[in-house]
Amino acid sequence: MISQDFPKSSGGLRRRKRAWVIPPLSVSENNRGPYPLLLAKIRSDADKVKRIHYSITGPGADQPPVGLFTIARISGHLYVTQELDREKQDKYMLQGHAVAEGGAGHSEDPMDIVVIVLR
């Protein structure tokens, strides 16, 4: 049997898990609900070591049409609050934010959340 010695890792490039990314979300236009309708749950890996508060910004959240999308501050559950109309807008670009409890700064960079309105 031949014994091989494999070189040790140089510690250079390492694969990193991309935990703070979600694929685009799809919602059927004129969905009858019930509302609020759960779209997704966003979660920061930092919630394993500290309590995280979630928020969203952008058109449909804190910009017109305000309140179309909401997020549960503690759980990270993202909701749509009413029917969407593809003719008015076919895509919403939101930003998800994760902040450590007590305002100790952002735990993650803002995350893009894309909501696509389907026919």
PDB file of N, CA and C in Angstrom:
ATOM      1  N   MET A   1       0.847  -1.176   0.000  1.00  0.00           N
ATOM      2  CA  MET A   1       0.000   0.000   0.000  1.00  0.00           C
ATOM      3  C   MET A   1       0.890   1.235   0.000  1.00  0.00           C
ATOM      4  N   ILE A   2       0.535   2.189  -0.841  1.00  0.00           N
ATOM      5  CA  ILE A   2       1.326   3.408  -0.950  1.00  0.00           C
ATOM      6  C   ILE A   2       0.715   4.459  -0.032  1.00  0.00           C
ATOM      7  N   SER A   3       1.550   5.098   0.739  1.00  0.00           N
ATOM      8  CA  SER A   3       1.097   6.157   1.645  1.00  0.00           C
ATOM      9  C   SER A   3       1.365   7.503   0.987  1.00  0.00           C
ATOM     10  N   GLN A   4       0.356   8.361   0.998  1.00  0.00           N
ATOM     11  CA  GLN A   4       0.537   9.692   0.425  1.00  0.00           C
ATOM     12  C   GLN A   4       0.404  10.727   1.522  1.00  0.00           C
ATOM     13  N   ASP A   5       1.243  11.698   1.461  1.00  0.00           N
ATOM     14  CA  ASP A   5       1.136  12.832   2.371  1.00  0.00           C
ATOM     15  C   ASP A   5       0.490  13.978   1.610  1.00  0.00           C
ATOM     16  N   PHE A   6      -0.625  14.448   2.116  1.00  0.00           N
ATOM     17  CA  PHE A   6      -1.315  15.559   1.481  1.00  0.00           C
ATOM     18  C   PHE A   6      -0.843  16.863   2.094  1.00  0.00           C
ATOM     19  N   PRO A   7      -0.654  17.883   1.266  1.00  0.00           N
ATOM     20  CA  PRO A   7      -0.196  19.173   1.817  1.00  0.00           C
ATOM     21  C   PRO A   7      -1.251  19.772   2.748  1.00  0.00           C
ATOM     22  N   LYS A   8      -0.779  20.457   3.746  1.00  0.00           N
ATOM     23  CA  LYS A   8      -1.684  21.130   4.687  1.00  0.00           C
ATOM     24  C   LYS A   8      -2.234  22.390   4.034  1.00  0.00           C
ATOM     25  N   SER A   9      -3.433  22.749   4.439  1.00  0.00           N
ATOM     26  CA  SER A   9      -4.078  23.945   3.914  1.00  0.00           C
ATOM     27  C   SER A   9      -3.270  25.179   4.298  1.00  0.00           C
ATOM     28  N   SER A  10      -3.167  26.098   3.363  1.00  0.00           N
ATOM     29  CA  SER A  10      -2.412  27.330   3.628  1.00  0.00           C
ATOM     30  C   SER A  10      -3.213  28.332   4.439  1.00  0.00           C
ATOM     31  N   GLY A  11      -4.512  28.081   4.601  1.00  0.00           N
ATOM     32  CA  GLY A  11      -5.343  29.035   5.334  1.00  0.00           C
ATOM     33  C   GLY A  11      -5.725  30.232   4.487  1.00  0.00           C
ATOM     34  N   GLY A  12      -5.426  30.167   3.198  1.00  0.00           N
ATOM     35  CA  GLY A  12      -5.726  31.269   2.286  1.00  0.00           C
ATOM     36  C   GLY A  12      -7.217  31.444   2.056  1.00  0.00           C
ATOM     37  N   LEU A  13      -7.701  30.998   0.922  1.00  0.00           N
ATOM     38  CA  LEU A  13      -9.110  31.151   0.583  1.00  0.00           C
ATOM     39  C   LEU A  13      -9.955  30.159   1.367  1.00  0.00           C
ATOM     40  N   ARG A  14     -11.061  30.651   1.877  1.00  0.00           N
ATOM     41  CA  ARG A  14     -11.985  29.805   2.607  1.00  0.00           C
ATOM     42  C   ARG A  14     -13.392  30.092   2.142  1.00  0.00           C
ATOM     43  N   ARG A  15     -14.192  29.080   2.095  1.00  0.00           N
ATOM     44  CA  ARG A  15     -15.581  29.235   1.703  1.00  0.00           C
ATOM     45  C   ARG A  15     -16.360  29.844   2.862  1.00  0.00           C
ATOM     46  N   ARG A  16     -17.188  30.849   2.556  1.00  0.00           N
ATOM     47  CA  ARG A  16     -18.026  31.479   3.577  1.00  0.00           C
ATOM     48  C   ARG A  16     -19.480  31.234   3.264  1.00  0.00           C
ATOM     49  N   LYS A  17     -20.236  30.916   4.270  1.00  0.00           N
ATOM     50  CA  LYS A  17     -21.666  30.723   4.122  1.00  0.00           C
ATOM     51  C   LYS A  17     -22.327  32.083   3.939  1.00  0.00           C
ATOM     52  N   ARG A  18     -23.221  32.185   2.942  1.00  0.00           N
ATOM     53  CA  ARG A  18     -23.955  33.419   2.697  1.00  0.00           C
ATOM     54  C   ARG A  18     -25.336  33.280   3.311  1.00  0.00           C
ATOM     55  N   ALA A  19     -25.450  33.579   4.584  1.00  0.00           N
ATOM     56  CA  ALA A  19     -26.680  33.320   5.323  1.00  0.00           C
ATOM     57  C   ALA A  19     -27.714  34.424   5.175  1.00  0.00           C
ATOM     58  N   TRP A  20     -27.334  35.590   4.788  1.00  0.00           N
ATOM     59  CA  TRP A  20     -28.216  36.749   4.812  1.00  0.00           C
ATOM     60  C   TRP A  20     -28.707  37.064   3.403  1.00  0.00           C
ATOM     61  N   VAL A  21     -29.067  36.035   2.631  1.00  0.00           N
ATOM     62  CA  VAL A  21     -29.545  36.213   1.264  1.00  0.00           C
ATOM     63  C   VAL A  21     -30.768  35.321   1.063  1.00  0.00           C
ATOM     64  N   ILE A  22     -31.831  35.882   0.479  1.00  0.00           N
ATOM     65  CA  ILE A  22     -32.978  35.057   0.121  1.00  0.00           C
ATOM     66  C   ILE A  22     -33.276  35.270  -1.355  1.00  0.00           C
ATOM     67  N   PRO A  23     -33.800  34.245  -2.023  1.00  0.00           N
ATOM     68  CA  PRO A  23     -34.147  34.401  -3.436  1.00  0.00           C
ATOM     69  C   PRO A  23     -35.359  35.317  -3.587  1.00  0.00           C
ATOM     70  N   PRO A  24     -35.611  35.804  -4.801  1.00  0.00           N
ATOM     71  CA  PRO A  24     -36.802  36.641  -5.010  1.00  0.00           C
ATOM     72  C   PRO A  24     -38.070  35.907  -4.568  1.00  0.00           C
ATOM     73  N   LEU A  25     -38.999  36.655  -3.993  1.00  0.00           N
ATOM     74  CA  LEU A  25     -40.270  36.113  -3.522  1.00  0.00           C
ATOM     75  C   LEU A  25     -41.332  36.398  -4.577  1.00  0.00           C
ATOM     76  N   SER A  26     -42.256  35.474  -4.776  1.00  0.00           N
ATOM     77  CA  SER A  26     -43.328  35.649  -5.746  1.00  0.00           C
ATOM     78  C   SER A  26     -44.673  35.662  -5.040  1.00  0.00           C
ATOM     79  N   VAL A  27     -45.539  36.600  -5.459  1.00  0.00           N
ATOM     80  CA  VAL A  27     -46.887  36.706  -4.923  1.00  0.00           C
ATOM     81  C   VAL A  27     -47.838  36.856  -6.098  1.00  0.00           C
ATOM     82  N   SER A  28     -48.923  36.085  -6.094  1.00  0.00           N
ATOM     83  CA  SER A  28     -49.923  36.199  -7.155  1.00  0.00           C
ATOM     84  C   SER A  28     -50.719  37.484  -6.972  1.00  0.00           C
ATOM     85  N   GLU A  29     -50.940  38.202  -8.077  1.00  0.00           N
ATOM     86  CA  GLU A  29     -51.746  39.413  -7.975  1.00  0.00           C
ATOM     87  C   GLU A  29     -53.175  39.042  -7.599  1.00  0.00           C
ATOM     88  N   ASN A  30     -53.823  39.938  -6.931  1.00  0.00           N
ATOM     89  CA  ASN A  30     -55.208  39.763  -6.494  1.00  0.00           C
ATOM     90  C   ASN A  30     -55.429  38.513  -5.644  1.00  0.00           C
ATOM     91  N   ASN A  31     -54.389  38.071  -4.926  1.00  0.00           N
ATOM     92  CA  ASN A  31     -54.518  36.971  -3.984  1.00  0.00           C
ATOM     93  C   ASN A  31     -55.536  37.391  -2.927  1.00  0.00           C
ATOM     94  N   ARG A  32     -56.501  36.562  -2.652  1.00  0.00           N
ATOM     95  CA  ARG A  32     -57.599  36.914  -1.748  1.00  0.00           C
ATOM     96  C   ARG A  32     -57.243  36.801  -0.271  1.00  0.00           C
ATOM     97  N   GLY A  33     -56.041  36.376   0.038  1.00  0.00           N
ATOM     98  CA  GLY A  33     -55.628  36.346   1.442  1.00  0.00           C
ATOM     99  C   GLY A  33     -55.936  35.039   2.121  1.00  0.00           C
ATOM    100  N   PRO A  34     -56.074  34.999   3.406  1.00  0.00           N
ATOM    101  CA  PRO A  34     -56.315  36.081   4.362  1.00  0.00           C
ATOM    102  C   PRO A  34     -55.041  36.906   4.607  1.00  0.00           C
ATOM    103  N   TYR A  35     -55.242  38.122   5.015  1.00  0.00           N
ATOM    104  CA  TYR A  35     -54.142  39.064   5.266  1.00  0.00           C
ATOM    105  C   TYR A  35     -54.045  39.383   6.738  1.00  0.00           C
ATOM    106  N   PRO A  36     -52.857  39.632   7.221  1.00  0.00           N
ATOM    107  CA  PRO A  36     -51.578  39.642   6.512  1.00  0.00           C
ATOM    108  C   PRO A  36     -51.169  38.232   6.084  1.00  0.00           C
ATOM    109  N   LEU A  37     -50.516  38.150   4.915  1.00  0.00           N
ATOM    110  CA  LEU A  37     -50.103  36.890   4.310  1.00  0.00           C
ATOM    111  C   LEU A  37     -48.592  36.738   4.492  1.00  0.00           C
ATOM    112  N   LEU A  38     -48.177  35.630   5.095  1.00  0.00           N
ATOM    113  CA  LEU A  38     -46.749  35.375   5.327  1.00  0.00           C
ATOM    114  C   LEU A  38     -46.049  35.096   4.002  1.00  0.00           C
ATOM    115  N   LEU A  39     -44.967  35.845   3.728  1.00  0.00           N
ATOM    116  CA  LEU A  39     -44.191  35.639   2.502  1.00  0.00           C
ATOM    117  C   LEU A  39     -42.923  34.844   2.771  1.00  0.00           C
ATOM    118  N   ALA A  40     -42.240  35.161   3.868  1.00  0.00           N
ATOM    119  CA  ALA A  40     -40.952  34.527   4.155  1.00  0.00           C
ATOM    120  C   ALA A  40     -40.535  34.854   5.586  1.00  0.00           C
ATOM    121  N   LYS A  41     -39.502  34.180   6.023  1.00  0.00           N
ATOM    122  CA  LYS A  41     -38.875  34.507   7.303  1.00  0.00           C
ATOM    123  C   LYS A  41     -37.420  34.818   7.005  1.00  0.00           C
ATOM    124  N   ILE A  42     -36.985  36.015   7.396  1.00  0.00           N
ATOM    125  CA  ILE A  42     -35.576  36.339   7.239  1.00  0.00           C
ATOM    126  C   ILE A  42     -34.915  36.177   8.599  1.00  0.00           C
ATOM    127  N   ARG A  43     -33.651  35.764   8.569  1.00  0.00           N
ATOM    128  CA  ARG A  43     -32.971  35.488   9.822  1.00  0.00           C
ATOM    129  C   ARG A  43     -31.481  35.748   9.670  1.00  0.00           C
ATOM    130  N   SER A  44     -30.921  36.380  10.658  1.00  0.00           N
ATOM    131  CA  SER A  44     -29.492  36.630  10.713  1.00  0.00           C
ATOM    132  C   SER A  44     -28.819  35.529  11.520  1.00  0.00           C
ATOM    133  N   ASP A  45     -27.660  35.076  11.079  1.00  0.00           N
ATOM    134  CA  ASP A  45     -26.908  34.096  11.863  1.00  0.00           C
ATOM    135  C   ASP A  45     -26.485  34.660  13.210  1.00  0.00           C
ATOM    136  N   ALA A  46     -26.443  35.978  13.317  1.00  0.00           N
ATOM    137  CA  ALA A  46     -26.049  36.611  14.576  1.00  0.00           C
ATOM    138  C   ALA A  46     -27.076  36.363  15.677  1.00  0.00           C
ATOM    139  N   ASP A  47     -28.277  35.893  15.321  1.00  0.00           N
ATOM    140  CA  ASP A  47     -29.297  35.653  16.354  1.00  0.00           C
ATOM    141  C   ASP A  47     -28.962  34.463  17.242  1.00  0.00           C
ATOM    142  N   LYS A  48     -27.909  33.737  16.907  1.00  0.00           N
ATOM    143  CA  LYS A  48     -27.464  32.620  17.744  1.00  0.00           C
ATOM    144  C   LYS A  48     -26.736  33.118  18.989  1.00  0.00           C
ATOM    145  N   VAL A  49     -26.180  34.321  18.903  1.00  0.00           N
ATOM    146  CA  VAL A  49     -25.392  34.849  20.022  1.00  0.00           C
ATOM    147  C   VAL A  49     -25.975  36.110  20.647  1.00  0.00           C
ATOM    148  N   LYS A  50     -26.926  36.757  19.969  1.00  0.00           N
ATOM    149  CA  LYS A  50     -27.558  37.953  20.527  1.00  0.00           C
ATOM    150  C   LYS A  50     -28.961  38.105  19.952  1.00  0.00           C
ATOM    151  N   ARG A  51     -29.768  38.861  20.636  1.00  0.00           N
ATOM    152  CA  ARG A  51     -31.141  39.089  20.169  1.00  0.00           C
ATOM    153  C   ARG A  51     -31.114  40.123  19.041  1.00  0.00           C
ATOM    154  N   ILE A  52     -31.789  39.797  17.947  1.00  0.00           N
ATOM    155  CA  ILE A  52     -31.792  40.641  16.754  1.00  0.00           C
ATOM    156  C   ILE A  52     -33.184  41.215  16.542  1.00  0.00           C
ATOM    157  N   HIS A  53     -33.235  42.487  16.123  1.00  0.00           N
ATOM    158  CA  HIS A  53     -34.490  43.142  15.747  1.00  0.00           C
ATOM    159  C   HIS A  53     -34.440  43.398  14.245  1.00  0.00           C
ATOM    160  N   TYR A  54     -35.524  43.008  13.567  1.00  0.00           N
ATOM    161  CA  TYR A  54     -35.602  43.113  12.109  1.00  0.00           C
ATOM    162  C   TYR A  54     -36.486  44.279  11.699  1.00  0.00           C
ATOM    163  N   SER A  55     -36.156  44.883  10.562  1.00  0.00           N
ATOM    164  CA  SER A  55     -36.990  45.941   9.978  1.00  0.00           C
ATOM    165  C   SER A  55     -36.799  45.906   8.460  1.00  0.00           C
ATOM    166  N   ILE A  56     -37.731  46.569   7.759  1.00  0.00           N
ATOM    167  CA  ILE A  56     -37.614  46.681   6.305  1.00  0.00           C
ATOM    168  C   ILE A  56     -37.806  48.136   5.901  1.00  0.00           C
ATOM    169  N   THR A  57     -37.201  48.495   4.788  1.00  0.00           N
ATOM    170  CA  THR A  57     -37.355  49.828   4.223  1.00  0.00           C
ATOM    171  C   THR A  57     -37.570  49.687   2.718  1.00  0.00           C
ATOM    172  N   GLY A  58     -38.075  50.762   2.119  1.00  0.00           N
ATOM    173  CA  GLY A  58     -38.253  50.794   0.674  1.00  0.00           C
ATOM    174  C   GLY A  58     -39.703  50.985   0.285  1.00  0.00           C
ATOM    175  N   PRO A  59     -39.962  51.104  -1.036  1.00  0.00           N
ATOM    176  CA  PRO A  59     -41.328  51.266  -1.530  1.00  0.00           C
ATOM    177  C   PRO A  59     -42.206  50.082  -1.115  1.00  0.00           C
ATOM    178  N   GLY A  60     -43.304  50.391  -0.447  1.00  0.00           N
ATOM    179  CA  GLY A  60     -44.197  49.371   0.056  1.00  0.00           C
ATOM    180  C   GLY A  60     -44.007  49.100   1.537  1.00  0.00           C
ATOM    181  N   ALA A  61     -42.929  49.626   2.100  1.00  0.00           N
ATOM    182  CA  ALA A  61     -42.671  49.457   3.535  1.00  0.00           C
ATOM    183  C   ALA A  61     -42.789  50.823   4.210  1.00  0.00           C
ATOM    184  N   ASP A  62     -41.707  51.603   4.169  1.00  0.00           N
ATOM    185  CA  ASP A  62     -41.724  52.935   4.785  1.00  0.00           C
ATOM    186  C   ASP A  62     -41.828  54.062   3.745  1.00  0.00           C
ATOM    187  N   GLN A  63     -41.940  53.696   2.467  1.00  0.00           N
ATOM    188  CA  GLN A  63     -42.126  54.656   1.377  1.00  0.00           C
ATOM    189  C   GLN A  63     -43.417  54.284   0.640  1.00  0.00           C
ATOM    190  N   PRO A  64     -44.060  55.249  -0.028  1.00  0.00           N
ATOM    191  CA  PRO A  64     -45.328  54.957  -0.701  1.00  0.00           C
ATOM    192  C   PRO A  64     -45.205  53.765  -1.652  1.00  0.00           C
ATOM    193  N   PRO A  65     -46.163  52.869  -1.630  1.00  0.00           N
ATOM    194  CA  PRO A  65     -47.345  52.787  -0.764  1.00  0.00           C
ATOM    195  C   PRO A  65     -46.991  52.221   0.615  1.00  0.00           C
ATOM    196  N   VAL A  66     -46.952  53.069   1.622  1.00  0.00           N
ATOM    197  CA  VAL A  66     -46.522  52.711   2.983  1.00  0.00           C
ATOM    198  C   VAL A  66     -47.412  51.620   3.565  1.00  0.00           C
ATOM    199  N   GLY A  67     -46.780  50.656   4.233  1.00  0.00           N
ATOM    200  CA  GLY A  67     -47.511  49.623   4.954  1.00  0.00           C
ATOM    201  C   GLY A  67     -47.968  48.432   4.140  1.00  0.00           C
ATOM    202  N   LEU A  68     -47.593  48.354   2.880  1.00  0.00           N
ATOM    203  CA  LEU A  68     -47.970  47.219   2.047  1.00  0.00           C
ATOM    204  C   LEU A  68     -47.252  45.949   2.516  1.00  0.00           C
ATOM    205  N   PHE A  69     -46.020  46.124   2.975  1.00  0.00           N
ATOM    206  CA  PHE A  69     -45.231  45.019   3.530  1.00  0.00           C
ATOM    207  C   PHE A  69     -44.848  45.370   4.959  1.00  0.00           C
ATOM    208  N   THR A  70     -44.900  44.381   5.834  1.00  0.00           N
ATOM    209  CA  THR A  70     -44.478  44.569   7.223  1.00  0.00           C
ATOM    210  C   THR A  70     -43.600  43.389   7.621  1.00  0.00           C
ATOM    211  N   ILE A  71     -42.855  43.579   8.703  1.00  0.00           N
ATOM    212  CA  ILE A  71     -42.019  42.503   9.223  1.00  0.00           C
ATOM    213  C   ILE A  71     -42.188  42.440  10.730  1.00  0.00           C
ATOM    214  N   ALA A  72     -42.266  41.233  11.263  1.00  0.00           N
ATOM    215  CA  ALA A  72     -42.329  41.052  12.714  1.00  0.00           C
ATOM    216  C   ALA A  72     -40.941  41.330  13.269  1.00  0.00           C
ATOM    217  N   ARG A  73     -40.856  42.283  14.152  1.00  0.00           N
ATOM    218  CA  ARG A  73     -39.577  42.805  14.639  1.00  0.00           C
ATOM    219  C   ARG A  73     -38.679  41.735  15.249  1.00  0.00           C
ATOM    220  N   ILE A  74     -39.259  40.797  15.999  1.00  0.00           N
ATOM    221  CA  ILE A  74     -38.459  39.782  16.687  1.00  0.00           C
ATOM    222  C   ILE A  74     -38.275  38.518  15.845  1.00  0.00           C
ATOM    223  N   SER A  75     -39.340  38.032  15.203  1.00  0.00           N
ATOM    224  CA  SER A  75     -39.256  36.750  14.485  1.00  0.00           C
ATOM    225  C   SER A  75     -38.678  36.869  13.076  1.00  0.00           C
ATOM    226  N   GLY A  76     -38.781  38.040  12.442  1.00  0.00           N
ATOM    227  CA  GLY A  76     -38.313  38.197  11.070  1.00  0.00           C
ATOM    228  C   GLY A  76     -39.310  37.725  10.028  1.00  0.00           C
ATOM    229  N   HIS A  77     -40.565  37.461  10.443  1.00  0.00           N
ATOM    230  CA  HIS A  77     -41.591  37.059   9.479  1.00  0.00           C
ATOM    231  C   HIS A  77     -41.990  38.265   8.626  1.00  0.00           C
ATOM    232  N   LEU A  78     -41.908  38.111   7.303  1.00  0.00           N
ATOM    233  CA  LEU A  78     -42.239  39.164   6.350  1.00  0.00           C
ATOM    234  C   LEU A  78     -43.643  38.909   5.813  1.00  0.00           C
ATOM    235  N   TYR A  79     -44.489  39.928   5.870  1.00  0.00           N
ATOM    236  CA  TYR A  79     -45.889  39.812   5.458  1.00  0.00           C
ATOM    237  C   TYR A  79     -46.239  40.834   4.384  1.00  0.00           C
ATOM    238  N   VAL A  80     -47.220  40.481   3.540  1.00  0.00           N
ATOM    239  CA  VAL A  80     -47.891  41.442   2.670  1.00  0.00           C
ATOM    240  C   VAL A  80     -49.255  41.664   3.318  1.00  0.00           C
ATOM    241  N   THR A  81     -49.721  42.923   3.355  1.00  0.00           N
ATOM    242  CA  THR A  81     -50.919  43.263   4.118  1.00  0.00           C
ATOM    243  C   THR A  81     -52.193  43.375   3.291  1.00  0.00           C
ATOM    244  N   GLN A  82     -52.062  43.351   1.954  1.00  0.00           N
ATOM    245  CA  GLN A  82     -53.244  43.468   1.090  1.00  0.00           C
ATOM    246  C   GLN A  82     -52.933  42.925  -0.299  1.00  0.00           C
ATOM    247  N   GLU A  83     -53.972  42.843  -1.134  1.00  0.00           N
ATOM    248  CA  GLU A  83     -53.801  42.368  -2.501  1.00  0.00           C
ATOM    249  C   GLU A  83     -52.823  43.257  -3.257  1.00  0.00           C
ATOM    250  N   LEU A  84     -52.042  42.628  -4.133  1.00  0.00           N
ATOM    251  CA  LEU A  84     -51.123  43.372  -4.990  1.00  0.00           C
ATOM    252  C   LEU A  84     -51.692  43.410  -6.398  1.00  0.00           C
ATOM    253  N   ASP A  85     -51.441  44.497  -7.103  1.00  0.00           N
ATOM    254  CA  ASP A  85     -51.928  44.673  -8.468  1.00  0.00           C
ATOM    255  C   ASP A  85     -50.726  44.825  -9.399  1.00  0.00           C
ATOM    256  N   ARG A  86     -50.528  43.837 -10.270  1.00  0.00           N
ATOM    257  CA  ARG A  86     -49.382  43.830 -11.186  1.00  0.00           C
ATOM    258  C   ARG A  86     -49.389  45.039 -12.121  1.00  0.00           C
ATOM    259  N   GLU A  87     -50.573  45.540 -12.486  1.00  0.00           N
ATOM    260  CA  GLU A  87     -50.645  46.697 -13.376  1.00  0.00           C
ATOM    261  C   GLU A  87     -50.117  47.962 -12.689  1.00  0.00           C
ATOM    262  N   LYS A  88     -50.283  48.044 -11.384  1.00  0.00           N
ATOM    263  CA  LYS A  88     -49.746  49.202 -10.648  1.00  0.00           C
ATOM    264  C   LYS A  88     -48.244  49.079 -10.462  1.00  0.00           C
ATOM    265  N   GLN A  89     -47.791  47.891 -10.061  1.00  0.00           N
ATOM    266  CA  GLN A  89     -46.364  47.658  -9.846  1.00  0.00           C
ATOM    267  C   GLN A  89     -46.108  46.160  -9.921  1.00  0.00           C
ATOM    268  N   ASP A  90     -45.124  45.768 -10.748  1.00  0.00           N
ATOM    269  CA  ASP A  90     -44.860  44.334 -10.928  1.00  0.00           C
ATOM    270  C   ASP A  90     -43.718  43.810 -10.069  1.00  0.00           C
ATOM    271  N   LYS A  91     -42.979  44.713  -9.406  1.00  0.00           N
ATOM    272  CA  LYS A  91     -41.855  44.297  -8.576  1.00  0.00           C
ATOM    273  C   LYS A  91     -41.631  45.313  -7.465  1.00  0.00           C
ATOM    274  N   TYR A  92     -41.317  44.822  -6.279  1.00  0.00           N
ATOM    275  CA  TYR A  92     -40.988  45.676  -5.138  1.00  0.00           C
ATOM    276  C   TYR A  92     -39.578  45.336  -4.678  1.00  0.00           C
ATOM    277  N   MET A  93     -38.778  46.367  -4.481  1.00  0.00           N
ATOM    278  CA  MET A  93     -37.402  46.208  -4.018  1.00  0.00           C
ATOM    279  C   MET A  93     -37.317  46.743  -2.589  1.00  0.00           C
ATOM    280  N   LEU A  94     -37.198  45.846  -1.634  1.00  0.00           N
ATOM    281  CA  LEU A  94     -37.119  46.217  -0.221  1.00  0.00           C
ATOM    282  C   LEU A  94     -35.713  45.959   0.294  1.00  0.00           C
ATOM    283  N   GLN A  95     -35.431  46.517   1.451  1.00  0.00           N
ATOM    284  CA  GLN A  95     -34.172  46.247   2.142  1.00  0.00           C
ATOM    285  C   GLN A  95     -34.509  45.712   3.521  1.00  0.00           C
ATOM    286  N   GLY A  96     -33.911  44.576   3.889  1.00  0.00           N
ATOM    287  CA  GLY A  96     -34.070  44.009   5.218  1.00  0.00           C
ATOM    288  C   GLY A  96     -32.907  44.432   6.087  1.00  0.00           C
ATOM    289  N   HIS A  97     -33.205  44.765   7.335  1.00  0.00           N
ATOM    290  CA  HIS A  97     -32.170  45.222   8.269  1.00  0.00           C
ATOM    291  C   HIS A  97     -32.209  44.367   9.533  1.00  0.00           C
ATOM    292  N   ALA A  98     -31.030  44.049  10.059  1.00  0.00           N
ATOM    293  CA  ALA A  98     -30.911  43.303  11.316  1.00  0.00           C
ATOM    294  C   ALA A  98     -30.038  44.123  12.259  1.00  0.00           C
ATOM    295  N   VAL A  99     -30.604  44.468  13.417  1.00  0.00           N
ATOM    296  CA  VAL A  99     -29.885  45.280  14.406  1.00  0.00           C
ATOM    297  C   VAL A  99     -29.891  44.534  15.730  1.00  0.00           C
ATOM    298  N   ALA A 100     -28.743  44.504  16.387  1.00  0.00           N
ATOM    299  CA  ALA A 100     -28.648  43.856  17.694  1.00  0.00           C
ATOM    300  C   ALA A 100     -29.461  44.633  18.719  1.00  0.00           C
ATOM    301  N   GLU A 101     -30.109  43.901  19.612  1.00  0.00           N
ATOM    302  CA  GLU A 101     -30.909  44.535  20.663  1.00  0.00           C
ATOM    303  C   GLU A 101     -30.043  45.514  21.443  1.00  0.00           C
ATOM    304  N   GLY A 102     -30.619  46.639  21.770  1.00  0.00           N
ATOM    305  CA  GLY A 102     -29.886  47.664  22.494  1.00  0.00           C
ATOM    306  C   GLY A 102     -29.190  48.648  21.569  1.00  0.00           C
ATOM    307  N   GLY A 103     -29.394  48.472  20.253  1.00  0.00           N
ATOM    308  CA  GLY A 103     -28.829  49.420  19.291  1.00  0.00           C
ATOM    309  C   GLY A 103     -27.327  49.331  19.158  1.00  0.00           C
ATOM    310  N   ALA A 104     -26.774  48.137  19.357  1.00  0.00           N
ATOM    311  CA  ALA A 104     -25.325  47.962  19.290  1.00  0.00           C
ATOM    312  C   ALA A 104     -24.812  47.955  17.850  1.00  0.00           C
ATOM    313  N   GLY A 105     -25.616  48.411  16.924  1.00  0.00           N
ATOM    314  CA  GLY A 105     -25.192  48.492  15.525  1.00  0.00           C
ATOM    315  C   GLY A 105     -25.767  47.377  14.687  1.00  0.00           C
ATOM    316  N   HIS A 106     -25.564  47.483  13.377  1.00  0.00           N
ATOM    317  CA  HIS A 106     -26.076  46.474  12.456  1.00  0.00           C
ATOM    318  C   HIS A 106     -25.334  45.173  12.659  1.00  0.00           C
ATOM    319  N   SER A 107     -26.080  44.083  12.704  1.00  0.00           N
ATOM    320  CA  SER A 107     -25.470  42.770  12.812  1.00  0.00           C
ATOM    321  C   SER A 107     -25.087  42.251  11.436  1.00  0.00           C
ATOM    322  N   GLU A 108     -25.766  42.726  10.425  1.00  0.00           N
ATOM    323  CA  GLU A 108     -25.536  42.316   9.038  1.00  0.00           C
ATOM    324  C   GLU A 108     -25.659  43.562   8.159  1.00  0.00           C
ATOM    325  N   ASP A 109     -25.066  43.502   6.971  1.00  0.00           N
ATOM    326  CA  ASP A 109     -25.316  44.550   5.982  1.00  0.00           C
ATOM    327  C   ASP A 109     -26.769  44.424   5.540  1.00  0.00           C
ATOM    328  N   PRO A 110     -27.392  45.512   5.077  1.00  0.00           N
ATOM    329  CA  PRO A 110     -28.775  45.412   4.593  1.00  0.00           C
ATOM    330  C   PRO A 110     -28.886  44.354   3.496  1.00  0.00           C
ATOM    331  N   MET A 111     -30.015  43.634   3.495  1.00  0.00           N
ATOM    332  CA  MET A 111     -30.262  42.563   2.546  1.00  0.00           C
ATOM    333  C   MET A 111     -31.327  43.007   1.551  1.00  0.00           C
ATOM    334  N   ASP A 112     -31.089  42.782   0.265  1.00  0.00           N
ATOM    335  CA  ASP A 112     -32.101  43.073  -0.742  1.00  0.00           C
ATOM    336  C   ASP A 112     -33.187  42.015  -0.691  1.00  0.00           C
ATOM    337  N   ILE A 113     -34.429  42.465  -0.691  1.00  0.00           N
ATOM    338  CA  ILE A 113     -35.584  41.575  -0.752  1.00  0.00           C
ATOM    339  C   ILE A 113     -36.397  41.983  -1.967  1.00  0.00           C
ATOM    340  N   VAL A 114     -36.539  41.087  -2.918  1.00  0.00           N
ATOM    341  CA  VAL A 114     -37.276  41.352  -4.149  1.00  0.00           C
ATOM    342  C   VAL A 114     -38.593  40.587  -4.095  1.00  0.00           C
ATOM    343  N   VAL A 115     -39.694  41.305  -4.261  1.00  0.00           N
ATOM    344  CA  VAL A 115     -41.023  40.683  -4.312  1.00  0.00           C
ATOM    345  C   VAL A 115     -41.560  40.897  -5.726  1.00  0.00           C
ATOM    346  N   ILE A 116     -41.812  39.785  -6.430  1.00  0.00           N
ATOM    347  CA  ILE A 116     -42.314  39.829  -7.795  1.00  0.00           C
ATOM    348  C   ILE A 116     -43.801  39.513  -7.783  1.00  0.00           C
ATOM    349  N   VAL A 117     -44.588  40.361  -8.444  1.00  0.00           N
ATOM    350  CA  VAL A 117     -46.036  40.164  -8.508  1.00  0.00           C
ATOM    351  C   VAL A 117     -46.344  39.372  -9.778  1.00  0.00           C
ATOM    352  N   LEU A 118     -46.928  38.180  -9.583  1.00  0.00           N
ATOM    353  CA  LEU A 118     -47.268  37.301 -10.704  1.00  0.00           C
ATOM    354  C   LEU A 118     -48.709  37.474 -11.132  1.00  0.00           C
ATOM    355  N   ARG A 119     -49.021  37.123 -12.359  1.00  0.00           N
ATOM    356  CA  ARG A 119     -50.404  37.166 -12.859  1.00  0.00           C
ATOM    357  C   ARG A 119     -51.229  36.099 -12.208  1.00  0.00           C
TER     358      ARG A 119
END
